[in-house]
PDB file of N, CA and C in Angstrom:
ATOM      1  N   MET A   1       0.883  -1.166  -0.078  1.00  0.00           N
ATOM      2  CA  MET A   1      -0.012   0.041  -0.055  1.00  0.00           C
ATOM      3  C   MET A   1       0.934   1.156  -0.055  1.00  0.00           C
ATOM      4  N   ASN A   2       0.641   2.182  -0.935  1.00  0.00           N
ATOM      5  CA  ASN A   2       1.437   3.240  -0.975  1.00  0.00           C
ATOM      6  C   ASN A   2       0.965   4.336   0.073  1.00  0.00           C
ATOM      7  N   ARG A   3       1.784   5.326   0.236  1.00  0.00           N
ATOM      8  CA  ARG A   3       1.487   6.236   1.392  1.00  0.00           C
ATOM      9  C   ARG A   3       0.250   7.086   1.190  1.00  0.00           C
ATOM     10  N   SER A   4      -0.091   7.671   0.006  1.00  0.00           N
ATOM     11  CA  SER A   4      -1.316   8.315  -0.291  1.00  0.00           C
ATOM     12  C   SER A   4      -2.488   7.430  -0.041  1.00  0.00           C
ATOM     13  N   THR A   5      -2.540   6.155  -0.319  1.00  0.00           N
ATOM     14  CA  THR A   5      -3.621   5.309  -0.053  1.00  0.00           C
ATOM     15  C   THR A   5      -3.913   5.191   1.449  1.00  0.00           C
ATOM     16  N   PHE A   6      -2.681   4.984   2.124  1.00  0.00           N
ATOM     17  CA  PHE A   6      -2.793   4.816   3.693  1.00  0.00           C
ATOM     18  C   PHE A   6      -3.448   5.931   4.218  1.00  0.00           C
ATOM     19  N   LEU A   7      -2.876   7.245   3.852  1.00  0.00           N
ATOM     20  CA  LEU A   7      -3.452   8.424   4.333  1.00  0.00           C
ATOM     21  C   LEU A   7      -4.975   8.678   4.034  1.00  0.00           C
ATOM     22  N   ALA A   8      -5.384   8.202   2.776  1.00  0.00           N
ATOM     23  CA  ALA A   8      -6.858   8.415   2.497  1.00  0.00           C
ATOM     24  C   ALA A   8      -7.593   7.339   3.435  1.00  0.00           C
ATOM     25  N   LEU A   9      -7.119   6.213   3.508  1.00  0.00           N
ATOM     26  CA  LEU A   9      -7.850   5.234   4.486  1.00  0.00           C
ATOM     27  C   LEU A   9      -7.907   5.684   5.778  1.00  0.00           C
ATOM     28  N   ALA A  10      -6.949   6.372   6.364  1.00  0.00           N
ATOM     29  CA  ALA A  10      -6.790   6.868   7.683  1.00  0.00           C
ATOM     30  C   ALA A  10      -7.935   7.962   7.864  1.00  0.00           C
ATOM     31  N   VAL A  11      -7.923   8.974   6.893  1.00  0.00           N
ATOM     32  CA  VAL A  11      -8.790  10.125   6.975  1.00  0.00           C
ATOM     33  C   VAL A  11     -10.288   9.497   6.829  1.00  0.00           C
ATOM     34  N   LEU A  12     -10.581   8.526   5.915  1.00  0.00           N
ATOM     35  CA  LEU A  12     -11.837   8.101   5.773  1.00  0.00           C
ATOM     36  C   LEU A  12     -12.349   7.389   7.250  1.00  0.00           C
ATOM     37  N   SER A  13     -11.403   6.550   7.769  1.00  0.00           N
ATOM     38  CA  SER A  13     -11.660   5.920   9.035  1.00  0.00           C
ATOM     39  C   SER A  13     -12.014   6.972  10.160  1.00  0.00           C
ATOM     40  N   ALA A  14     -11.344   8.035  10.213  1.00  0.00           N
ATOM     41  CA  ALA A  14     -11.518   9.050  11.150  1.00  0.00           C
ATOM     42  C   ALA A  14     -12.907   9.610  10.902  1.00  0.00           C
ATOM     43  N   PHE A  15     -13.310   9.870   9.737  1.00  0.00           N
ATOM     44  CA  PHE A  15     -14.610  10.540   9.339  1.00  0.00           C
ATOM     45  C   PHE A  15     -15.775   9.566   9.694  1.00  0.00           C
ATOM     46  N   SER A  16     -15.488   8.284   9.410  1.00  0.00           N
ATOM     47  CA  SER A  16     -16.517   7.241   9.636  1.00  0.00           C
ATOM     48  C   SER A  16     -16.798   7.142  11.276  1.00  0.00           C
ATOM     49  N   LEU A  17     -15.644   7.172  12.031  1.00  0.00           N
ATOM     50  CA  LEU A  17     -15.774   7.056  13.420  1.00  0.00           C
ATOM     51  C   LEU A  17     -16.510   8.302  14.025  1.00  0.00           C
ATOM     52  N   ARG A  18     -16.145   9.481  13.482  1.00  0.00           N
ATOM     53  CA  ARG A  18     -17.055  10.737  13.811  1.00  0.00           C
ATOM     54  C   ARG A  18     -18.485  10.710  13.696  1.00  0.00           C
ATOM     55  N   ALA A  19     -18.649  10.072  12.377  1.00  0.00           N
ATOM     56  CA  ALA A  19     -20.113  10.145  11.863  1.00  0.00           C
ATOM     57  C   ALA A  19     -20.798   9.054  12.807  1.00  0.00           C
ATOM     58  N   ALA A  20     -20.346   7.961  13.120  1.00  0.00           N
ATOM     59  CA  ALA A  20     -21.010   6.898  13.980  1.00  0.00           C
ATOM     60  C   ALA A  20     -21.203   7.590  15.418  1.00  0.00           C
ATOM     61  N   GLU A  21     -20.323   8.377  15.813  1.00  0.00           N
ATOM     62  CA  GLU A  21     -20.564   8.991  17.182  1.00  0.00           C
ATOM     63  C   GLU A  21     -21.695   9.970  17.148  1.00  0.00           C
ATOM     64  N   HIS A  22     -21.819  10.734  15.998  1.00  0.00           N
ATOM     65  CA  HIS A  22     -22.890  11.548  15.879  1.00  0.00           C
ATOM     66  C   HIS A  22     -24.291  11.020  15.574  1.00  0.00           C
ATOM     67  N   SER A  23     -24.217   9.819  14.936  1.00  0.00           N
ATOM     68  CA  SER A  23     -25.505   9.296  14.609  1.00  0.00           C
ATOM     69  C   SER A  23     -26.027   8.398  15.754  1.00  0.00           C
ATOM     70  N   GLY A  24     -25.317   8.227  16.899  1.00  0.00           N
ATOM     71  CA  GLY A  24     -25.775   7.587  18.091  1.00  0.00           C
ATOM     72  C   GLY A  24     -25.103   6.285  18.243  1.00  0.00           C
ATOM     73  N   HIS A  25     -24.486   5.821  17.305  1.00  0.00           N
ATOM     74  CA  HIS A  25     -23.727   4.508  17.422  1.00  0.00           C
ATOM     75  C   HIS A  25     -22.740   4.562  18.601  1.00  0.00           C
ATOM     76  N   GLY A  26     -22.216   5.650  18.881  1.00  0.00           N
ATOM     77  CA  GLY A  26     -21.227   5.831  19.923  1.00  0.00           C
ATOM     78  C   GLY A  26     -21.872   6.018  21.320  1.00  0.00           C
ATOM     79  N   ALA A  27     -23.244   6.163  21.377  1.00  0.00           N
ATOM     80  CA  ALA A  27     -23.905   6.506  22.543  1.00  0.00           C
ATOM     81  C   ALA A  27     -23.789   5.537  23.637  1.00  0.00           C
ATOM     82  N   ALA A  28     -23.791   4.233  23.353  1.00  0.00           N
ATOM     83  CA  ALA A  28     -23.724   3.307  24.365  1.00  0.00           C
ATOM     84  C   ALA A  28     -22.404   3.350  25.197  1.00  0.00           C
ATOM     85  N   ASN A  29     -21.247   3.729  24.415  1.00  0.00           N
ATOM     86  CA  ASN A  29     -20.044   3.839  25.100  1.00  0.00           C
ATOM     87  C   ASN A  29     -20.004   5.015  25.956  1.00  0.00           C
ATOM     88  N   LYS A  30     -20.725   6.313  25.605  1.00  0.00           N
ATOM     89  CA  LYS A  30     -20.702   7.261  26.371  1.00  0.00           C
ATOM     90  C   LYS A  30     -21.591   7.097  27.540  1.00  0.00           C
ATOM     91  N   ASP A  31     -22.675   6.421  27.393  1.00  0.00           N
ATOM     92  CA  ASP A  31     -23.694   5.959  28.497  1.00  0.00           C
ATOM     93  C   ASP A  31     -22.991   5.199  29.574  1.00  0.00           C
ATOM     94  N   SER A  32     -22.129   4.224  29.064  1.00  0.00           N
ATOM     95  CA  SER A  32     -21.550   3.377  30.020  1.00  0.00           C
ATOM     96  C   SER A  32     -20.401   4.172  30.750  1.00  0.00           C
ATOM     97  N   ALA A  33     -19.779   5.142  29.985  1.00  0.00           N
ATOM     98  CA  ALA A  33     -18.718   5.988  30.593  1.00  0.00           C
ATOM     99  C   ALA A  33     -19.374   6.938  31.731  1.00  0.00           C
ATOM    100  N   ALA A  34     -20.485   7.451  31.458  1.00  0.00           N
ATOM    101  CA  ALA A  34     -21.234   8.327  32.431  1.00  0.00           C
ATOM    102  C   ALA A  34     -21.631   7.450  33.723  1.00  0.00           C
ATOM    103  N   GLU A  35     -21.847   6.217  33.438  1.00  0.00           N
ATOM    104  CA  GLU A  35     -22.314   5.310  34.581  1.00  0.00           C
ATOM    105  C   GLU A  35     -21.099   5.059  35.470  1.00  0.00           C
ATOM    106  N   ALA A  36     -19.911   5.343  34.940  1.00  0.00           N
ATOM    107  CA  ALA A  36     -18.735   5.043  35.702  1.00  0.00           C
ATOM    108  C   ALA A  36     -18.525   6.173  36.873  1.00  0.00           C
ATOM    109  N   VAL A  37     -19.278   7.241  36.747  1.00  0.00           N
ATOM    110  CA  VAL A  37     -19.174   8.276  37.822  1.00  0.00           C
ATOM    111  C   VAL A  37     -19.922   7.705  39.028  1.00  0.00           C
ATOM    112  N   PRO A  38     -19.235   7.636  40.161  1.00  0.00           N
ATOM    113  CA  PRO A  38     -19.995   7.117  41.322  1.00  0.00           C
ATOM    114  C   PRO A  38     -21.092   7.911  41.727  1.00  0.00           C
ATOM    115  N   ALA A  39     -22.186   7.329  42.230  1.00  0.00           N
ATOM    116  CA  ALA A  39     -23.387   8.055  42.645  1.00  0.00           C
ATOM    117  C   ALA A  39     -23.023   9.078  43.796  1.00  0.00           C
ATOM    118  N   ASN A  40     -22.012   8.736  44.633  1.00  0.00           N
ATOM    119  CA  ASN A  40     -21.783   9.772  45.727  1.00  0.00           C
ATOM    120  C   ASN A  40     -20.817  10.939  45.327  1.00  0.00           C
ATOM    121  N   TYR A  41     -20.375  10.836  43.988  1.00  0.00           N
ATOM    122  CA  TYR A  41     -19.571  11.986  43.575  1.00  0.00           C
ATOM    123  C   TYR A  41     -20.460  13.225  43.291  1.00  0.00           C
ATOM    124  N   PRO A  42     -20.092  14.397  43.908  1.00  0.00           N
ATOM    125  CA  PRO A  42     -20.978  15.412  43.797  1.00  0.00           C
ATOM    126  C   PRO A  42     -21.230  16.202  42.494  1.00  0.00           C
ATOM    127  N   LEU A  43     -20.410  15.880  41.492  1.00  0.00           N
ATOM    128  CA  LEU A  43     -20.607  16.719  40.345  1.00  0.00           C
ATOM    129  C   LEU A  43     -20.749  15.663  39.065  1.00  0.00           C
ATOM    130  N   LYS A  44     -21.337  16.131  38.148  1.00  0.00           N
ATOM    131  CA  LYS A  44     -21.573  15.351  36.865  1.00  0.00           C
ATOM    132  C   LYS A  44     -20.768  16.081  35.768  1.00  0.00           C
ATOM    133  N   THR A  45     -20.011  17.138  36.151  1.00  0.00           N
ATOM    134  CA  THR A  45     -19.168  17.777  35.100  1.00  0.00           C
ATOM    135  C   THR A  45     -17.725  17.928  35.549  1.00  0.00           C
ATOM    136  N   CYS A  46     -16.851  18.088  34.656  1.00  0.00           N
ATOM    137  CA  CYS A  46     -15.346  18.227  34.833  1.00  0.00           C
ATOM    138  C   CYS A  46     -15.209  19.665  35.617  1.00  0.00           C
ATOM    139  N   VAL A  47     -14.319  19.613  36.651  1.00  0.00           N
ATOM    140  CA  VAL A  47     -13.941  20.800  37.432  1.00  0.00           C
ATOM    141  C   VAL A  47     -13.044  21.704  36.523  1.00  0.00           C
ATOM    142  N   VAL A  48     -12.489  21.195  35.509  1.00  0.00           N
ATOM    143  CA  VAL A  48     -11.613  22.128  34.682  1.00  0.00           C
ATOM    144  C   VAL A  48     -12.274  22.582  33.462  1.00  0.00           C
ATOM    145  N   SER A  49     -12.963  21.756  32.674  1.00  0.00           N
ATOM    146  CA  SER A  49     -13.514  22.108  31.331  1.00  0.00           C
ATOM    147  C   SER A  49     -15.058  22.279  31.570  1.00  0.00           C
ATOM    148  N   ASP A  50     -15.720  21.917  32.543  1.00  0.00           N
ATOM    149  CA  ASP A  50     -17.190  21.950  32.732  1.00  0.00           C
ATOM    150  C   ASP A  50     -17.977  20.936  31.579  1.00  0.00           C
ATOM    151  N   GLU A  51     -17.181  20.186  31.088  1.00  0.00           N
ATOM    152  CA  GLU A  51     -17.810  19.009  30.103  1.00  0.00           C
ATOM    153  C   GLU A  51     -18.353  18.094  30.974  1.00  0.00           C
ATOM    154  N   ASP A  52     -19.475  17.328  30.529  1.00  0.00           N
ATOM    155  CA  ASP A  52     -20.110  16.278  31.244  1.00  0.00           C
ATOM    156  C   ASP A  52     -19.044  15.125  31.436  1.00  0.00           C
ATOM    157  N   LEU A  53     -19.045  14.576  32.595  1.00  0.00           N
ATOM    158  CA  LEU A  53     -18.187  13.510  32.932  1.00  0.00           C
ATOM    159  C   LEU A  53     -18.784  12.306  32.211  1.00  0.00           C
ATOM    160  N   GLY A  54     -17.905  11.559  31.436  1.00  0.00           N
ATOM    161  CA  GLY A  54     -18.311  10.614  30.773  1.00  0.00           C
ATOM    162  C   GLY A  54     -18.568  10.875  29.209  1.00  0.00           C
ATOM    163  N   SER A  55     -18.583  12.139  28.947  1.00  0.00           N
ATOM    164  CA  SER A  55     -18.779  12.587  27.513  1.00  0.00           C
ATOM    165  C   SER A  55     -17.449  12.192  26.636  1.00  0.00           C
ATOM    166  N   MET A  56     -16.426  12.008  27.235  1.00  0.00           N
ATOM    167  CA  MET A  56     -15.349  11.734  26.351  1.00  0.00           C
ATOM    168  C   MET A  56     -14.596  10.151  26.933  1.00  0.00           C
ATOM    169  N   GLY A  57     -15.634   9.474  27.255  1.00  0.00           N
ATOM    170  CA  GLY A  57     -15.050   8.240  27.684  1.00  0.00           C
ATOM    171  C   GLY A  57     -15.139   8.141  29.327  1.00  0.00           C
ATOM    172  N   LYS A  58     -14.478   7.114  29.732  1.00  0.00           N
ATOM    173  CA  LYS A  58     -14.398   6.859  31.251  1.00  0.00           C
ATOM    174  C   LYS A  58     -13.760   8.044  31.895  1.00  0.00           C
ATOM    175  N   PRO A  59     -14.447   8.633  33.008  1.00  0.00           N
ATOM    176  CA  PRO A  59     -13.762   9.812  33.434  1.00  0.00           C
ATOM    177  C   PRO A  59     -12.376   9.537  34.119  1.00  0.00           C
ATOM    178  N   PHE A  60     -11.513  10.498  33.945  1.00  0.00           N
ATOM    179  CA  PHE A  60     -10.018  10.414  34.501  1.00  0.00           C
ATOM    180  C   PHE A  60     -10.038  10.806  35.809  1.00  0.00           C
ATOM    181  N   GLU A  61      -9.483   9.834  36.769  1.00  0.00           N
ATOM    182  CA  GLU A  61      -9.441  10.021  38.106  1.00  0.00           C
ATOM    183  C   GLU A  61      -8.022  10.507  38.559  1.00  0.00           C
ATOM    184  N   ILE A  62      -8.115  11.477  39.414  1.00  0.00           N
ATOM    185  CA  ILE A  62      -6.819  12.048  40.173  1.00  0.00           C
ATOM    186  C   ILE A  62      -7.167  11.864  41.769  1.00  0.00           C
ATOM    187  N   ILE A  63      -6.103  11.543  42.448  1.00  0.00           N
ATOM    188  CA  ILE A  63      -6.266  11.550  43.915  1.00  0.00           C
ATOM    189  C   ILE A  63      -5.311  12.732  44.282  1.00  0.00           C
ATOM    190  N   HIS A  64      -5.983  13.726  44.652  1.00  0.00           N
ATOM    191  CA  HIS A  64      -5.254  15.019  45.186  1.00  0.00           C
ATOM    192  C   HIS A  64      -4.827  14.848  46.550  1.00  0.00           C
ATOM    193  N   LYS A  65      -3.528  15.087  46.840  1.00  0.00           N
ATOM    194  CA  LYS A  65      -2.970  14.915  48.162  1.00  0.00           C
ATOM    195  C   LYS A  65      -2.428  16.296  48.563  1.00  0.00           C
ATOM    196  N   GLN A  66      -2.746  16.657  49.722  1.00  0.00           N
ATOM    197  CA  GLN A  66      -2.341  17.939  50.332  1.00  0.00           C
ATOM    198  C   GLN A  66      -1.946  17.700  51.757  1.00  0.00           C
ATOM    199  N   ALA A  67      -0.782  18.216  52.211  1.00  0.00           N
ATOM    200  CA  ALA A  67      -0.375  17.931  53.447  1.00  0.00           C
ATOM    201  C   ALA A  67      -1.419  18.403  54.530  1.00  0.00           C
ATOM    202  N   GLY A  68      -1.726  17.638  55.563  1.00  0.00           N
ATOM    203  CA  GLY A  68      -2.592  17.972  56.623  1.00  0.00           C
ATOM    204  C   GLY A  68      -4.050  17.924  56.357  1.00  0.00           C
ATOM    205  N   LYS A  69      -4.338  17.381  55.110  1.00  0.00           N
ATOM    206  CA  LYS A  69      -5.800  17.136  54.604  1.00  0.00           C
ATOM    207  C   LYS A  69      -6.036  15.802  54.146  1.00  0.00           C
ATOM    208  N   PRO A  70      -7.296  15.226  54.139  1.00  0.00           N
ATOM    209  CA  PRO A  70      -7.468  13.905  53.652  1.00  0.00           C
ATOM    210  C   PRO A  70      -7.325  13.962  52.056  1.00  0.00           C
ATOM    211  N   ASP A  71      -6.836  12.919  51.516  1.00  0.00           N
ATOM    212  CA  ASP A  71      -6.742  12.754  50.052  1.00  0.00           C
ATOM    213  C   ASP A  71      -8.210  12.811  49.529  1.00  0.00           C
ATOM    214  N   ARG A  72      -8.204  13.471  48.231  1.00  0.00           N
ATOM    215  CA  ARG A  72      -9.627  13.707  47.672  1.00  0.00           C
ATOM    216  C   ARG A  72      -9.591  13.158  46.190  1.00  0.00           C
ATOM    217  N   LYS A  73     -10.669  12.451  45.813  1.00  0.00           N
ATOM    218  CA  LYS A  73     -10.832  12.001  44.463  1.00  0.00           C
ATOM    219  C   LYS A  73     -11.426  13.085  43.651  1.00  0.00           C
ATOM    220  N   VAL A  74     -10.823  13.318  42.592  1.00  0.00           N
ATOM    221  CA  VAL A  74     -11.317  14.317  41.623  1.00  0.00           C
ATOM    222  C   VAL A  74     -11.445  13.676  40.195  1.00  0.00           C
ATOM    223  N   LEU A  75     -12.641  13.799  39.678  1.00  0.00           N
ATOM    224  CA  LEU A  75     -12.917  13.250  38.317  1.00  0.00           C
ATOM    225  C   LEU A  75     -12.885  14.219  37.317  1.00  0.00           C
ATOM    226  N   LEU A  76     -12.177  13.988  36.178  1.00  0.00           N
ATOM    227  CA  LEU A  76     -11.948  14.851  35.102  1.00  0.00           C
ATOM    228  C   LEU A  76     -12.640  14.200  33.949  1.00  0.00           C
ATOM    229  N   CYS A  77     -13.056  15.069  32.911  1.00  0.00           N
ATOM    230  CA  CYS A  77     -13.625  14.373  31.751  1.00  0.00           C
ATOM    231  C   CYS A  77     -12.632  13.617  30.802  1.00  0.00           C
ATOM    232  N   CYS A  78     -11.395  14.059  30.942  1.00  0.00           N
ATOM    233  CA  CYS A  78     -10.395  13.383  30.182  1.00  0.00           C
ATOM    234  C   CYS A  78      -9.091  13.700  30.662  1.00  0.00           C
ATOM    235  N   SER A  79      -7.928  12.870  30.339  1.00  0.00           N
ATOM    236  CA  SER A  79      -6.696  13.024  30.865  1.00  0.00           C
ATOM    237  C   SER A  79      -6.025  14.360  30.423  1.00  0.00           C
ATOM    238  N   ASN A  80      -6.539  15.023  29.333  1.00  0.00           N
ATOM    239  CA  ASN A  80      -6.059  16.375  28.897  1.00  0.00           C
ATOM    240  C   ASN A  80      -6.315  17.518  29.927  1.00  0.00           C
ATOM    241  N   CYS A  81      -7.340  17.300  30.811  1.00  0.00           N
ATOM    242  CA  CYS A  81      -7.636  18.286  31.784  1.00  0.00           C
ATOM    243  C   CYS A  81      -6.676  18.265  32.983  1.00  0.00           C
ATOM    244  N   GLU A  82      -5.866  17.093  33.154  1.00  0.00           N
ATOM    245  CA  GLU A  82      -5.004  17.079  34.271  1.00  0.00           C
ATOM    246  C   GLU A  82      -4.092  18.187  34.398  1.00  0.00           C
ATOM    247  N   GLU A  83      -3.572  18.654  33.338  1.00  0.00           N
ATOM    248  CA  GLU A  83      -2.593  19.799  33.375  1.00  0.00           C
ATOM    249  C   GLU A  83      -3.299  20.954  33.894  1.00  0.00           C
ATOM    250  N   GLY A  84      -4.604  21.251  33.384  1.00  0.00           N
ATOM    251  CA  GLY A  84      -5.356  22.487  33.939  1.00  0.00           C
ATOM    252  C   GLY A  84      -5.619  22.290  35.375  1.00  0.00           C
ATOM    253  N   PHE A  85      -5.881  21.075  35.915  1.00  0.00           N
ATOM    254  CA  PHE A  85      -6.075  20.890  37.284  1.00  0.00           C
ATOM    255  C   PHE A  85      -4.846  21.147  38.071  1.00  0.00           C
ATOM    256  N   LEU A  86      -3.775  20.653  37.645  1.00  0.00           N
ATOM    257  CA  LEU A  86      -2.459  20.854  38.337  1.00  0.00           C
ATOM    258  C   LEU A  86      -1.945  22.183  38.319  1.00  0.00           C
ATOM    259  N   LYS A  87      -2.454  23.085  37.324  1.00  0.00           N
ATOM    260  CA  LYS A  87      -1.925  24.617  37.375  1.00  0.00           C
ATOM    261  C   LYS A  87      -2.763  25.286  38.523  1.00  0.00           C
ATOM    262  N   ASP A  88      -3.817  24.959  38.698  1.00  0.00           N
ATOM    263  CA  ASP A  88      -4.743  25.616  39.829  1.00  0.00           C
ATOM    264  C   ASP A  88      -5.685  24.704  40.572  1.00  0.00           C
ATOM    265  N   PRO A  89      -5.061  23.818  41.334  1.00  0.00           N
ATOM    266  CA  PRO A  89      -5.939  22.850  41.937  1.00  0.00           C
ATOM    267  C   PRO A  89      -6.966  23.549  42.896  1.00  0.00           C
ATOM    268  N   ALA A  90      -6.599  24.712  43.536  1.00  0.00           N
ATOM    269  CA  ALA A  90      -7.505  25.292  44.521  1.00  0.00           C
ATOM    270  C   ALA A  90      -8.777  25.752  43.749  1.00  0.00           C
ATOM    271  N   LYS A  91      -8.766  26.159  42.587  1.00  0.00           N
ATOM    272  CA  LYS A  91      -9.867  26.647  41.712  1.00  0.00           C
ATOM    273  C   LYS A  91     -10.687  25.492  41.486  1.00  0.00           C
ATOM    274  N   ALA A  92     -10.272  24.418  41.128  1.00  0.00           N
ATOM    275  CA  ALA A  92     -10.968  23.223  40.770  1.00  0.00           C
ATOM    276  C   ALA A  92     -11.594  22.627  41.971  1.00  0.00           C
ATOM    277  N   LEU A  93     -10.793  22.538  43.186  1.00  0.00           N
ATOM    278  CA  LEU A  93     -11.305  22.077  44.373  1.00  0.00           C
ATOM    279  C   LEU A  93     -12.473  22.873  44.964  1.00  0.00           C
ATOM    280  N   ALA A  94     -12.355  24.146  44.705  1.00  0.00           N
ATOM    281  CA  ALA A  94     -13.498  25.082  45.155  1.00  0.00           C
ATOM    282  C   ALA A  94     -14.790  24.684  44.499  1.00  0.00           C
ATOM    283  N   LYS A  95     -14.682  24.263  43.153  1.00  0.00           N
ATOM    284  CA  LYS A  95     -16.003  23.828  42.531  1.00  0.00           C
ATOM    285  C   LYS A  95     -16.493  22.512  43.213  1.00  0.00           C
ATOM    286  N   LEU A  96     -15.518  21.712  43.503  1.00  0.00           N
ATOM    287  CA  LEU A  96     -16.055  20.427  44.143  1.00  0.00           C
ATOM    288  C   LEU A  96     -16.440  20.669  45.491  1.00  0.00           C
ATOM    289  N   ASP A  97     -15.854  21.622  46.306  1.00  0.00           N
ATOM    290  CA  ASP A  97     -16.395  21.969  47.608  1.00  0.00           C
ATOM    291  C   ASP A  97     -17.814  22.446  47.551  1.00  0.00           C
ATOM    292  N   ALA A  98     -17.933  23.475  46.640  1.00  0.00           N
ATOM    293  CA  ALA A  98     -19.355  24.089  46.396  1.00  0.00           C
ATOM    294  C   ALA A  98     -20.441  23.024  46.172  1.00  0.00           C
ATOM    295  N   ALA A  99     -19.986  21.995  45.269  1.00  0.00           N
ATOM    296  CA  ALA A  99     -21.083  21.051  45.006  1.00  0.00           C
ATOM    297  C   ALA A  99     -21.189  20.065  46.129  1.00  0.00           C
ATOM    298  N   GLU A 100     -20.174  19.805  46.952  1.00  0.00           N
ATOM    299  CA  GLU A 100     -20.445  18.858  48.141  1.00  0.00           C
ATOM    300  C   GLU A 100     -21.247  19.606  49.170  1.00  0.00           C
ATOM    301  N   LYS A 101     -21.113  20.990  49.318  1.00  0.00           N
ATOM    302  CA  LYS A 101     -21.960  21.763  50.188  1.00  0.00           C
ATOM    303  C   LYS A 101     -23.352  21.790  49.718  1.00  0.00           C
ATOM    304  N   ALA A 102     -23.629  22.031  48.552  1.00  0.00           N
ATOM    305  CA  ALA A 102     -24.905  21.960  47.896  1.00  0.00           C
ATOM    306  C   ALA A 102     -25.567  20.730  48.032  1.00  0.00           C
ATOM    307  N   ALA A 103     -24.750  19.592  47.900  1.00  0.00           N
ATOM    308  CA  ALA A 103     -25.363  18.148  47.984  1.00  0.00           C
ATOM    309  C   ALA A 103     -25.802  18.121  49.385  1.00  0.00           C
ATOM    310  N   ALA A 104     -25.031  18.438  50.466  1.00  0.00           N
ATOM    311  CA  ALA A 104     -25.339  18.356  51.867  1.00  0.00           C
ATOM    312  C   ALA A 104     -26.661  19.049  52.103  1.00  0.00           C
ATOM    313  N   ALA A 105     -26.639  20.293  51.683  1.00  0.00           N
ATOM    314  CA  ALA A 105     -27.814  21.159  51.951  1.00  0.00           C
ATOM    315  C   ALA A 105     -29.149  20.517  51.344  1.00  0.00           C
ATOM    316  N   HIS A 106     -28.961  19.911  50.222  1.00  0.00           N
ATOM    317  CA  HIS A 106     -30.237  19.218  49.529  1.00  0.00           C
ATOM    318  C   HIS A 106     -30.507  17.875  50.051  1.00  0.00           C
ATOM    319  N   GLY A 107     -29.480  17.354  50.826  1.00  0.00           N
ATOM    320  CA  GLY A 107     -29.764  16.009  51.327  1.00  0.00           C
ATOM    321  C   GLY A 107     -29.604  14.925  50.334  1.00  0.00           C
ATOM    322  N   SER A 108     -28.769  15.095  49.185  1.00  0.00           N
ATOM    323  CA  SER A 108     -28.584  14.052  48.455  1.00  0.00           C
ATOM    324  C   SER A 108     -27.097  13.975  47.843  1.00  0.00           C
ATOM    325  N   ALA A 109     -26.577  13.028  47.509  1.00  0.00           N
ATOM    326  CA  ALA A 109     -25.130  12.854  47.067  1.00  0.00           C
ATOM    327  C   ALA A 109     -24.876  13.438  45.794  1.00  0.00           C
ATOM    328  N   ASP A 110     -25.854  13.689  44.867  1.00  0.00           N
ATOM    329  CA  ASP A 110     -25.448  14.396  43.631  1.00  0.00           C
ATOM    330  C   ASP A 110     -25.979  15.727  43.419  1.00  0.00           C
ATOM    331  N   GLY A 111     -26.271  16.453  44.460  1.00  0.00           N
ATOM    332  CA  GLY A 111     -26.703  17.773  44.447  1.00  0.00           C
ATOM    333  C   GLY A 111     -28.095  18.165  43.955  1.00  0.00           C
ATOM    334  N   HIS A 112     -28.913  17.112  43.751  1.00  0.00           N
ATOM    335  CA  HIS A 112     -30.103  17.273  43.113  1.00  0.00           C
ATOM    336  C   HIS A 112     -31.173  16.859  44.263  1.00  0.00           C
ATOM    337  N   LYS A 113     -32.222  17.541  44.343  1.00  0.00           N
ATOM    338  CA  LYS A 113     -33.443  17.252  45.276  1.00  0.00           C
ATOM    339  C   LYS A 113     -33.993  15.915  44.893  1.00  0.00           C
ATOM    340  N   LYS A 114     -34.346  15.176  45.956  1.00  0.00           N
ATOM    341  CA  LYS A 114     -34.961  13.995  45.901  1.00  0.00           C
ATOM    342  C   LYS A 114     -36.470  14.153  45.743  1.00  0.00           C
TER     343      LYS A 114
END
């Protein structure tokens, strides 16, 4: 196979995959990824990008460690958001804190009234 044929096939494969995602064929994978978000996690969105957790596959998990405080699980929509989290963890953790506080005030784990 020559190089141009290979590139053409690669481009067509990429377009086919994207079309399948938009037509709903990729929905099952996104649904199962969203189900990977624990019920007791207070957010359904990424603390960095605000994208829905599970919208880009299984959420990326970070265990944030800070001296003198308990370790915290933080879920991101994808591994690309890790850099943004590490640049300003306080900003991201503030979103998580607010969601936990709202969930406690509403008496549910996901911040929604029952």
